[in-house]
Amino acid sequence: MRKTDRYPVRGANSLWHIYKTVPFLKVVKNFIVIQMARYTPFLGMKNWLYRTFLNMKVGDQTAFALMVMVDIMFPEKIKVGYNTVIGYNTTILAHEYLIDEYRLGEVIIGDEVLIGANTTILPGVTIGDRAVVSAGTLVNKDVPPGSFVGGNPMKVIYTKEQMAQREAEE
């Protein structure tokens, strides 16, 4: 189960309550910073932008590919370990606005994680150290350390132990 905090709303759907939940100028600033980071080919600059202006925790040698979209409203709820690769066009969400409520949850991505292109990571999940997430995966629950996962919905393809056995056989 994802770890999110739930906030009920009344009347119009929760997205109509957006600026009661996050300041407008914060969203504008985040939008500008995220768009600069999405298009820059300089990995160090991306990490600096994320750390400095979005208050994200980003480990050393972590690489965000082109077009990665981090949460525009709550990027400070995203933590990424060291030496991790986030693939092209991946989306990392720390919020979800629904009809009767909105939810917020930290996203924690461990050390030396590989996330394939076009993956979507939902709020409130933890991806363990040295995990591999296949391209195009919807990460809708926690990923065990060292495992290989993929699909929509996400499934464990190989456990940490099976991955170790595969590597030993190579």
N, C-alpha and C. Protein backbone atom coordinates (compact mmCIF):
# COMPACT_ATOMS: atom_id res chain seq x y z
N MET A 1 0.84 -1.19 0.00
CA MET A 1 0.00 0.00 0.00
C MET A 1 0.88 1.25 0.00
N ARG A 2 0.51 2.23 -0.81
CA ARG A 2 1.26 3.48 -0.85
C ARG A 2 1.02 4.28 0.42
N LYS A 3 2.04 5.02 0.82
CA LYS A 3 1.96 5.82 2.03
C LYS A 3 1.64 7.27 1.65
N THR A 4 0.35 7.60 1.68
CA THR A 4 -0.08 8.96 1.36
C THR A 4 -0.96 9.50 2.48
N ASP A 5 -0.94 10.81 2.61
CA ASP A 5 -1.87 11.50 3.50
C ASP A 5 -3.05 11.96 2.66
N ARG A 6 -4.25 11.75 3.18
CA ARG A 6 -5.48 12.06 2.45
C ARG A 6 -6.13 13.31 3.01
N TYR A 7 -6.58 14.18 2.09
CA TYR A 7 -7.22 15.44 2.46
C TYR A 7 -8.55 15.57 1.73
N PRO A 8 -9.66 15.34 2.43
CA PRO A 8 -10.96 15.44 1.77
C PRO A 8 -11.30 16.89 1.40
N VAL A 9 -12.08 17.04 0.34
CA VAL A 9 -12.57 18.36 -0.07
C VAL A 9 -14.08 18.29 -0.27
N ARG A 10 -14.72 19.46 -0.25
CA ARG A 10 -16.17 19.53 -0.48
C ARG A 10 -16.45 20.40 -1.68
N GLY A 11 -17.54 20.11 -2.34
CA GLY A 11 -17.93 20.91 -3.49
C GLY A 11 -17.25 20.41 -4.75
N ALA A 12 -16.59 21.33 -5.45
CA ALA A 12 -15.92 21.00 -6.70
C ALA A 12 -14.79 20.00 -6.45
N ASN A 13 -14.37 19.29 -7.51
CA ASN A 13 -13.28 18.31 -7.37
C ASN A 13 -12.03 18.97 -6.79
N SER A 14 -11.14 18.15 -6.28
CA SER A 14 -10.01 18.66 -5.52
C SER A 14 -9.07 19.56 -6.32
N LEU A 15 -9.00 19.38 -7.63
CA LEU A 15 -8.12 20.24 -8.42
C LEU A 15 -8.58 21.70 -8.41
N TRP A 16 -9.89 21.92 -8.23
CA TRP A 16 -10.40 23.27 -8.11
C TRP A 16 -9.92 23.94 -6.82
N HIS A 17 -9.41 23.15 -5.88
CA HIS A 17 -8.91 23.66 -4.60
C HIS A 17 -7.39 23.84 -4.61
N ILE A 18 -6.79 23.76 -5.78
CA ILE A 18 -5.33 23.70 -5.90
C ILE A 18 -4.61 24.81 -5.15
N TYR A 19 -5.05 26.05 -5.30
CA TYR A 19 -4.29 27.14 -4.70
C TYR A 19 -4.62 27.34 -3.22
N LYS A 20 -5.49 26.51 -2.68
CA LYS A 20 -5.65 26.42 -1.23
C LYS A 20 -4.62 25.44 -0.67
N THR A 21 -4.08 24.57 -1.54
CA THR A 21 -3.15 23.54 -1.10
C THR A 21 -1.70 23.89 -1.39
N VAL A 22 -1.46 24.71 -2.40
CA VAL A 22 -0.10 25.10 -2.77
C VAL A 22 -0.14 26.52 -3.34
N PRO A 23 0.78 27.39 -2.91
CA PRO A 23 0.75 28.78 -3.38
C PRO A 23 0.99 28.89 -4.89
N PHE A 24 0.26 29.79 -5.53
CA PHE A 24 0.37 30.02 -6.96
C PHE A 24 1.80 30.34 -7.39
N LEU A 25 2.48 31.23 -6.67
CA LEU A 25 3.83 31.62 -7.06
C LEU A 25 4.82 30.46 -6.92
N LYS A 26 4.59 29.58 -5.98
CA LYS A 26 5.43 28.38 -5.87
C LYS A 26 5.29 27.52 -7.12
N VAL A 27 4.07 27.35 -7.60
CA VAL A 27 3.83 26.55 -8.81
C VAL A 27 4.50 27.20 -10.01
N VAL A 28 4.41 28.52 -10.12
CA VAL A 28 5.04 29.23 -11.24
C VAL A 28 6.55 29.03 -11.20
N LYS A 29 7.16 29.25 -10.03
CA LYS A 29 8.61 29.06 -9.89
C LYS A 29 9.00 27.63 -10.22
N ASN A 30 8.28 26.66 -9.66
CA ASN A 30 8.59 25.25 -9.90
C ASN A 30 8.47 24.92 -11.39
N PHE A 31 7.44 25.44 -12.05
CA PHE A 31 7.24 25.20 -13.47
C PHE A 31 8.46 25.66 -14.27
N ILE A 32 8.92 26.86 -13.99
CA ILE A 32 10.08 27.41 -14.73
C ILE A 32 11.32 26.57 -14.49
N VAL A 33 11.59 26.23 -13.24
CA VAL A 33 12.79 25.45 -12.91
C VAL A 33 12.71 24.05 -13.53
N ILE A 34 11.56 23.41 -13.42
CA ILE A 34 11.41 22.06 -13.97
C ILE A 34 11.57 22.07 -15.49
N GLN A 35 11.01 23.06 -16.16
CA GLN A 35 11.16 23.11 -17.62
C GLN A 35 12.61 23.33 -18.02
N MET A 36 13.34 24.16 -17.30
CA MET A 36 14.77 24.34 -17.59
C MET A 36 15.50 23.01 -17.40
N ALA A 37 15.20 22.32 -16.31
CA ALA A 37 15.89 21.06 -16.03
C ALA A 37 15.52 19.97 -17.04
N ARG A 38 14.29 19.95 -17.49
CA ARG A 38 13.86 18.92 -18.45
C ARG A 38 14.66 18.99 -19.74
N TYR A 39 15.01 20.20 -20.16
CA TYR A 39 15.64 20.38 -21.46
C TYR A 39 17.15 20.53 -21.43
N THR A 40 17.74 20.76 -20.27
CA THR A 40 19.19 20.93 -20.25
C THR A 40 19.88 19.57 -20.34
N PRO A 41 20.93 19.47 -21.14
CA PRO A 41 21.67 18.21 -21.23
C PRO A 41 22.74 18.07 -20.15
N PHE A 42 22.88 19.06 -19.28
CA PHE A 42 23.94 19.05 -18.28
C PHE A 42 23.44 18.43 -16.97
N LEU A 43 23.91 17.23 -16.67
CA LEU A 43 23.41 16.49 -15.51
C LEU A 43 23.67 17.22 -14.20
N GLY A 44 24.85 17.77 -14.05
CA GLY A 44 25.17 18.51 -12.82
C GLY A 44 24.26 19.71 -12.62
N MET A 45 23.94 20.39 -13.72
CA MET A 45 23.05 21.55 -13.62
C MET A 45 21.64 21.13 -13.20
N LYS A 46 21.15 20.02 -13.76
CA LYS A 46 19.83 19.53 -13.35
C LYS A 46 19.79 19.30 -11.85
N ASN A 47 20.78 18.56 -11.34
CA ASN A 47 20.81 18.25 -9.91
C ASN A 47 20.88 19.53 -9.08
N TRP A 48 21.67 20.49 -9.52
CA TRP A 48 21.79 21.76 -8.82
C TRP A 48 20.44 22.50 -8.80
N LEU A 49 19.77 22.53 -9.95
CA LEU A 49 18.45 23.17 -10.01
C LEU A 49 17.47 22.50 -9.05
N TYR A 50 17.43 21.18 -9.08
CA TYR A 50 16.51 20.44 -8.21
C TYR A 50 16.81 20.69 -6.73
N ARG A 51 18.09 20.64 -6.37
CA ARG A 51 18.47 20.83 -4.96
C ARG A 51 18.23 22.27 -4.51
N THR A 52 18.66 23.22 -5.33
CA THR A 52 18.67 24.63 -4.93
C THR A 52 17.29 25.27 -4.95
N PHE A 53 16.52 25.04 -6.00
CA PHE A 53 15.26 25.76 -6.17
C PHE A 53 14.02 24.94 -5.82
N LEU A 54 14.14 23.60 -5.83
CA LEU A 54 12.97 22.77 -5.55
C LEU A 54 13.08 22.04 -4.21
N ASN A 55 14.21 22.18 -3.54
CA ASN A 55 14.45 21.53 -2.24
C ASN A 55 14.32 20.01 -2.30
N MET A 56 14.64 19.44 -3.47
CA MET A 56 14.67 17.98 -3.58
C MET A 56 15.97 17.46 -2.99
N LYS A 57 15.94 16.26 -2.47
CA LYS A 57 17.15 15.58 -2.01
C LYS A 57 17.62 14.71 -3.18
N VAL A 58 18.79 15.05 -3.73
CA VAL A 58 19.33 14.33 -4.89
C VAL A 58 20.76 13.94 -4.57
N GLY A 59 21.05 12.64 -4.64
CA GLY A 59 22.38 12.14 -4.34
C GLY A 59 23.40 12.43 -5.42
N ASP A 60 24.67 12.33 -5.06
CA ASP A 60 25.76 12.54 -6.00
C ASP A 60 25.70 11.53 -7.14
N GLN A 61 26.15 11.94 -8.30
CA GLN A 61 26.21 11.13 -9.52
C GLN A 61 24.85 10.61 -9.99
N THR A 62 23.78 11.15 -9.48
CA THR A 62 22.46 10.76 -9.99
C THR A 62 22.24 11.46 -11.32
N ALA A 63 21.63 10.73 -12.26
CA ALA A 63 21.43 11.25 -13.60
C ALA A 63 19.94 11.24 -13.95
N PHE A 64 19.40 12.43 -14.21
CA PHE A 64 18.05 12.58 -14.71
C PHE A 64 18.16 12.78 -16.21
N ALA A 65 17.56 11.89 -16.99
CA ALA A 65 17.61 12.01 -18.45
C ALA A 65 16.76 13.19 -18.91
N LEU A 66 16.85 13.48 -20.20
CA LEU A 66 16.02 14.53 -20.78
C LEU A 66 14.54 14.23 -20.55
N MET A 67 13.77 15.28 -20.38
CA MET A 67 12.32 15.25 -20.31
C MET A 67 11.73 14.62 -19.05
N VAL A 68 12.55 14.34 -18.04
CA VAL A 68 11.99 13.83 -16.78
C VAL A 68 11.12 14.93 -16.18
N MET A 69 9.93 14.53 -15.72
CA MET A 69 8.98 15.48 -15.14
C MET A 69 8.81 15.17 -13.66
N VAL A 70 9.36 16.02 -12.81
CA VAL A 70 9.16 15.84 -11.37
C VAL A 70 7.92 16.61 -10.96
N ASP A 71 7.37 16.26 -9.82
CA ASP A 71 6.13 16.85 -9.33
C ASP A 71 6.24 18.37 -9.27
N ILE A 72 5.33 19.05 -9.94
CA ILE A 72 5.40 20.50 -10.04
C ILE A 72 4.91 21.20 -8.77
N MET A 73 4.09 20.52 -7.98
CA MET A 73 3.52 21.17 -6.81
C MET A 73 4.26 20.85 -5.52
N PHE A 74 4.77 19.65 -5.40
CA PHE A 74 5.44 19.22 -4.17
C PHE A 74 6.75 18.50 -4.46
N PRO A 75 7.67 19.12 -5.21
CA PRO A 75 8.92 18.42 -5.54
C PRO A 75 9.79 18.15 -4.31
N GLU A 76 9.59 18.92 -3.26
CA GLU A 76 10.37 18.73 -2.03
C GLU A 76 10.07 17.39 -1.36
N LYS A 77 9.03 16.70 -1.80
CA LYS A 77 8.67 15.39 -1.25
C LYS A 77 9.37 14.25 -2.01
N ILE A 78 10.27 14.59 -2.93
CA ILE A 78 10.98 13.58 -3.72
C ILE A 78 12.42 13.49 -3.23
N LYS A 79 12.85 12.25 -2.95
CA LYS A 79 14.22 12.00 -2.51
C LYS A 79 14.81 10.92 -3.42
N VAL A 80 15.99 11.20 -3.97
CA VAL A 80 16.66 10.26 -4.86
C VAL A 80 18.07 10.03 -4.34
N GLY A 81 18.47 8.77 -4.21
CA GLY A 81 19.79 8.42 -3.69
C GLY A 81 20.91 8.70 -4.68
N TYR A 82 22.10 8.21 -4.36
CA TYR A 82 23.27 8.47 -5.19
C TYR A 82 23.37 7.45 -6.33
N ASN A 83 24.02 7.87 -7.41
CA ASN A 83 24.35 7.03 -8.56
C ASN A 83 23.12 6.33 -9.14
N THR A 84 22.01 7.04 -9.17
CA THR A 84 20.76 6.51 -9.70
C THR A 84 20.52 7.10 -11.09
N VAL A 85 19.86 6.34 -11.96
CA VAL A 85 19.51 6.81 -13.30
C VAL A 85 17.99 6.85 -13.41
N ILE A 86 17.48 8.02 -13.78
CA ILE A 86 16.05 8.20 -14.03
C ILE A 86 15.90 8.36 -15.54
N GLY A 87 15.22 7.42 -16.20
CA GLY A 87 15.15 7.38 -17.65
C GLY A 87 14.29 8.46 -18.28
N TYR A 88 14.51 8.62 -19.58
CA TYR A 88 13.84 9.62 -20.42
C TYR A 88 12.33 9.64 -20.20
N ASN A 89 11.79 10.84 -20.04
CA ASN A 89 10.35 11.08 -19.99
C ASN A 89 9.64 10.41 -18.81
N THR A 90 10.38 10.12 -17.77
CA THR A 90 9.78 9.55 -16.56
C THR A 90 9.05 10.66 -15.81
N THR A 91 7.93 10.31 -15.17
CA THR A 91 7.16 11.24 -14.34
C THR A 91 7.20 10.76 -12.91
N ILE A 92 7.54 11.67 -11.99
CA ILE A 92 7.60 11.34 -10.56
C ILE A 92 6.59 12.24 -9.86
N LEU A 93 5.52 11.65 -9.34
CA LEU A 93 4.45 12.40 -8.70
C LEU A 93 4.49 12.26 -7.18
N ALA A 94 4.28 13.35 -6.47
CA ALA A 94 4.16 13.33 -5.01
C ALA A 94 2.76 13.73 -4.58
N HIS A 95 1.89 13.99 -5.55
CA HIS A 95 0.50 14.36 -5.26
C HIS A 95 -0.42 13.68 -6.25
N GLU A 96 -1.68 13.58 -5.86
CA GLU A 96 -2.73 13.19 -6.80
C GLU A 96 -4.02 13.87 -6.37
N TYR A 97 -4.64 14.55 -7.32
CA TYR A 97 -5.90 15.24 -7.08
C TYR A 97 -7.03 14.37 -7.62
N LEU A 98 -7.96 14.01 -6.76
CA LEU A 98 -9.08 13.15 -7.12
C LEU A 98 -10.38 13.96 -7.01
N ILE A 99 -11.52 13.30 -7.13
CA ILE A 99 -12.79 14.01 -7.06
C ILE A 99 -13.06 14.54 -5.64
N ASP A 100 -13.04 13.65 -4.66
CA ASP A 100 -13.44 14.02 -3.29
C ASP A 100 -12.27 14.27 -2.34
N GLU A 101 -11.05 14.11 -2.82
CA GLU A 101 -9.90 14.31 -1.95
C GLU A 101 -8.65 14.50 -2.80
N TYR A 102 -7.60 15.00 -2.14
CA TYR A 102 -6.28 14.95 -2.76
C TYR A 102 -5.36 14.22 -1.79
N ARG A 103 -4.28 13.66 -2.34
CA ARG A 103 -3.35 12.86 -1.54
C ARG A 103 -1.94 13.35 -1.80
N LEU A 104 -1.15 13.36 -0.73
CA LEU A 104 0.27 13.71 -0.82
C LEU A 104 1.09 12.57 -0.21
N GLY A 105 2.22 12.28 -0.83
CA GLY A 105 3.09 11.23 -0.30
C GLY A 105 4.50 11.40 -0.79
N GLU A 106 5.46 11.11 0.10
CA GLU A 106 6.87 11.15 -0.29
C GLU A 106 7.17 10.05 -1.29
N VAL A 107 8.07 10.36 -2.20
CA VAL A 107 8.63 9.36 -3.10
C VAL A 107 10.10 9.23 -2.74
N ILE A 108 10.49 8.01 -2.39
CA ILE A 108 11.88 7.76 -2.01
C ILE A 108 12.46 6.75 -2.99
N ILE A 109 13.48 7.20 -3.71
CA ILE A 109 14.18 6.35 -4.67
C ILE A 109 15.57 6.12 -4.11
N GLY A 110 15.96 4.86 -3.96
CA GLY A 110 17.20 4.51 -3.28
C GLY A 110 18.46 4.79 -4.09
N ASP A 111 19.55 4.23 -3.60
CA ASP A 111 20.86 4.35 -4.23
C ASP A 111 21.01 3.33 -5.35
N GLU A 112 21.69 3.74 -6.42
CA GLU A 112 22.03 2.86 -7.54
C GLU A 112 20.80 2.17 -8.13
N VAL A 113 19.75 2.94 -8.28
CA VAL A 113 18.50 2.46 -8.88
C VAL A 113 18.51 2.82 -10.36
N LEU A 114 17.97 1.94 -11.18
CA LEU A 114 17.81 2.21 -12.60
C LEU A 114 16.32 2.25 -12.91
N ILE A 115 15.85 3.39 -13.43
CA ILE A 115 14.44 3.53 -13.79
C ILE A 115 14.39 3.74 -15.30
N GLY A 116 13.72 2.85 -16.00
CA GLY A 116 13.63 2.91 -17.45
C GLY A 116 12.77 4.07 -17.94
N ALA A 117 12.89 4.36 -19.23
CA ALA A 117 12.18 5.47 -19.85
C ALA A 117 10.67 5.30 -19.74
N ASN A 118 9.99 6.44 -19.74
CA ASN A 118 8.52 6.49 -19.77
C ASN A 118 7.85 5.80 -18.59
N THR A 119 8.51 5.81 -17.47
CA THR A 119 7.95 5.23 -16.25
C THR A 119 7.16 6.32 -15.51
N THR A 120 6.10 5.93 -14.82
CA THR A 120 5.36 6.83 -13.95
C THR A 120 5.44 6.31 -12.53
N ILE A 121 5.89 7.16 -11.62
CA ILE A 121 6.02 6.80 -10.21
C ILE A 121 4.97 7.57 -9.44
N LEU A 122 4.08 6.85 -8.76
CA LEU A 122 2.98 7.47 -8.02
C LEU A 122 3.43 7.90 -6.62
N PRO A 123 2.67 8.79 -5.99
CA PRO A 123 3.04 9.27 -4.66
C PRO A 123 3.02 8.17 -3.61
N GLY A 124 3.91 8.31 -2.62
CA GLY A 124 3.89 7.42 -1.47
C GLY A 124 4.61 6.10 -1.66
N VAL A 125 5.45 5.99 -2.70
CA VAL A 125 6.17 4.73 -2.91
C VAL A 125 7.65 4.89 -2.58
N THR A 126 8.25 3.76 -2.23
CA THR A 126 9.69 3.68 -2.00
C THR A 126 10.25 2.66 -2.97
N ILE A 127 11.30 3.04 -3.66
CA ILE A 127 12.01 2.13 -4.56
C ILE A 127 13.34 1.83 -3.88
N GLY A 128 13.56 0.56 -3.54
CA GLY A 128 14.73 0.16 -2.77
C GLY A 128 16.04 0.26 -3.53
N ASP A 129 17.13 0.28 -2.78
CA ASP A 129 18.47 0.35 -3.35
C ASP A 129 18.69 -0.75 -4.39
N ARG A 130 19.39 -0.38 -5.47
CA ARG A 130 19.82 -1.30 -6.54
C ARG A 130 18.66 -1.98 -7.26
N ALA A 131 17.46 -1.43 -7.16
CA ALA A 131 16.32 -1.97 -7.90
C ALA A 131 16.42 -1.53 -9.35
N VAL A 132 15.77 -2.30 -10.23
CA VAL A 132 15.66 -1.96 -11.65
C VAL A 132 14.18 -1.92 -11.99
N VAL A 133 13.75 -0.79 -12.59
CA VAL A 133 12.36 -0.62 -13.00
C VAL A 133 12.35 -0.58 -14.52
N SER A 134 11.65 -1.51 -15.12
CA SER A 134 11.58 -1.61 -16.58
C SER A 134 10.92 -0.38 -17.18
N ALA A 135 11.28 -0.09 -18.43
CA ALA A 135 10.69 1.04 -19.15
C ALA A 135 9.17 0.88 -19.23
N GLY A 136 8.48 2.00 -19.11
CA GLY A 136 7.03 2.00 -19.26
C GLY A 136 6.25 1.47 -18.07
N THR A 137 6.89 1.36 -16.94
CA THR A 137 6.24 0.79 -15.75
C THR A 137 5.43 1.84 -15.01
N LEU A 138 4.28 1.42 -14.46
CA LEU A 138 3.52 2.24 -13.52
C LEU A 138 3.88 1.75 -12.13
N VAL A 139 4.69 2.52 -11.42
CA VAL A 139 5.13 2.14 -10.08
C VAL A 139 4.03 2.57 -9.10
N ASN A 140 3.18 1.61 -8.73
CA ASN A 140 2.02 1.90 -7.89
C ASN A 140 2.13 1.29 -6.49
N LYS A 141 3.30 0.73 -6.19
CA LYS A 141 3.56 0.20 -4.85
C LYS A 141 5.07 0.15 -4.65
N ASP A 142 5.48 -0.14 -3.42
CA ASP A 142 6.91 -0.17 -3.11
C ASP A 142 7.64 -1.23 -3.94
N VAL A 143 8.90 -0.93 -4.26
CA VAL A 143 9.76 -1.84 -5.01
C VAL A 143 10.83 -2.36 -4.05
N PRO A 144 10.90 -3.69 -3.86
CA PRO A 144 11.90 -4.23 -2.94
C PRO A 144 13.33 -3.96 -3.42
N PRO A 145 14.26 -3.75 -2.50
CA PRO A 145 15.66 -3.53 -2.89
C PRO A 145 16.17 -4.68 -3.76
N GLY A 146 16.95 -4.32 -4.78
CA GLY A 146 17.62 -5.32 -5.61
C GLY A 146 16.73 -6.06 -6.58
N SER A 147 15.45 -5.76 -6.62
CA SER A 147 14.54 -6.50 -7.49
C SER A 147 14.46 -5.86 -8.87
N PHE A 148 13.90 -6.61 -9.80
CA PHE A 148 13.62 -6.13 -11.15
C PHE A 148 12.11 -6.17 -11.32
N VAL A 149 11.51 -5.00 -11.62
CA VAL A 149 10.06 -4.91 -11.73
C VAL A 149 9.68 -4.30 -13.06
N GLY A 150 8.42 -4.53 -13.46
CA GLY A 150 7.95 -3.93 -14.70
C GLY A 150 6.46 -4.15 -14.88
N GLY A 151 5.90 -3.42 -15.84
CA GLY A 151 4.52 -3.62 -16.23
C GLY A 151 3.56 -2.58 -15.71
N ASN A 152 2.32 -2.76 -16.15
CA ASN A 152 1.22 -1.91 -15.73
C ASN A 152 -0.01 -2.79 -15.54
N PRO A 153 -0.34 -3.13 -14.31
CA PRO A 153 0.29 -2.69 -13.07
C PRO A 153 1.65 -3.38 -12.86
N MET A 154 2.48 -2.75 -12.06
CA MET A 154 3.82 -3.25 -11.79
C MET A 154 3.79 -4.61 -11.11
N LYS A 155 4.70 -5.47 -11.55
CA LYS A 155 4.89 -6.78 -10.93
C LYS A 155 6.37 -7.03 -10.74
N VAL A 156 6.71 -7.82 -9.73
CA VAL A 156 8.10 -8.22 -9.55
C VAL A 156 8.41 -9.30 -10.58
N ILE A 157 9.42 -9.04 -11.39
CA ILE A 157 9.84 -10.00 -12.41
C ILE A 157 10.92 -10.91 -11.85
N TYR A 158 11.91 -10.30 -11.18
CA TYR A 158 12.95 -11.06 -10.49
C TYR A 158 13.17 -10.47 -9.10
N THR A 159 13.29 -11.32 -8.10
CA THR A 159 13.63 -10.86 -6.76
C THR A 159 15.12 -10.56 -6.69
N LYS A 160 15.54 -10.00 -5.59
CA LYS A 160 16.97 -9.72 -5.37
C LYS A 160 17.78 -11.00 -5.49
N GLU A 161 17.28 -12.07 -4.92
CA GLU A 161 18.00 -13.35 -4.94
C GLU A 161 18.07 -13.92 -6.36
N GLN A 162 16.97 -13.82 -7.11
CA GLN A 162 16.98 -14.29 -8.50
C GLN A 162 17.91 -13.45 -9.36
N MET A 163 17.96 -12.15 -9.11
CA MET A 163 18.87 -11.28 -9.84
C MET A 163 20.31 -11.66 -9.57
N ALA A 164 20.63 -11.95 -8.30
CA ALA A 164 21.99 -12.35 -7.94
C ALA A 164 22.37 -13.66 -8.62
N GLN A 165 21.42 -14.58 -8.68
CA GLN A 165 21.67 -15.86 -9.35
C GLN A 165 21.91 -15.65 -10.85
N ARG A 166 21.12 -14.81 -11.47
CA ARG A 166 21.30 -14.51 -12.90
C ARG A 166 22.67 -13.91 -13.17
N GLU A 167 23.09 -12.98 -12.31
CA GLU A 167 24.40 -12.35 -12.48
C GLU A 167 25.52 -13.36 -12.29
N ALA A 168 25.35 -14.30 -11.37
CA ALA A 168 26.38 -15.32 -11.12
C ALA A 168 26.50 -16.27 -12.32
N GLU A 169 25.42 -16.49 -13.03
CA GLU A 169 25.42 -17.40 -14.18
C GLU A 169 26.03 -16.76 -15.42
N GLU A 170 26.12 -15.46 -15.45
CA GLU A 170 26.66 -14.76 -16.64
C GLU A 170 28.15 -14.85 -16.73
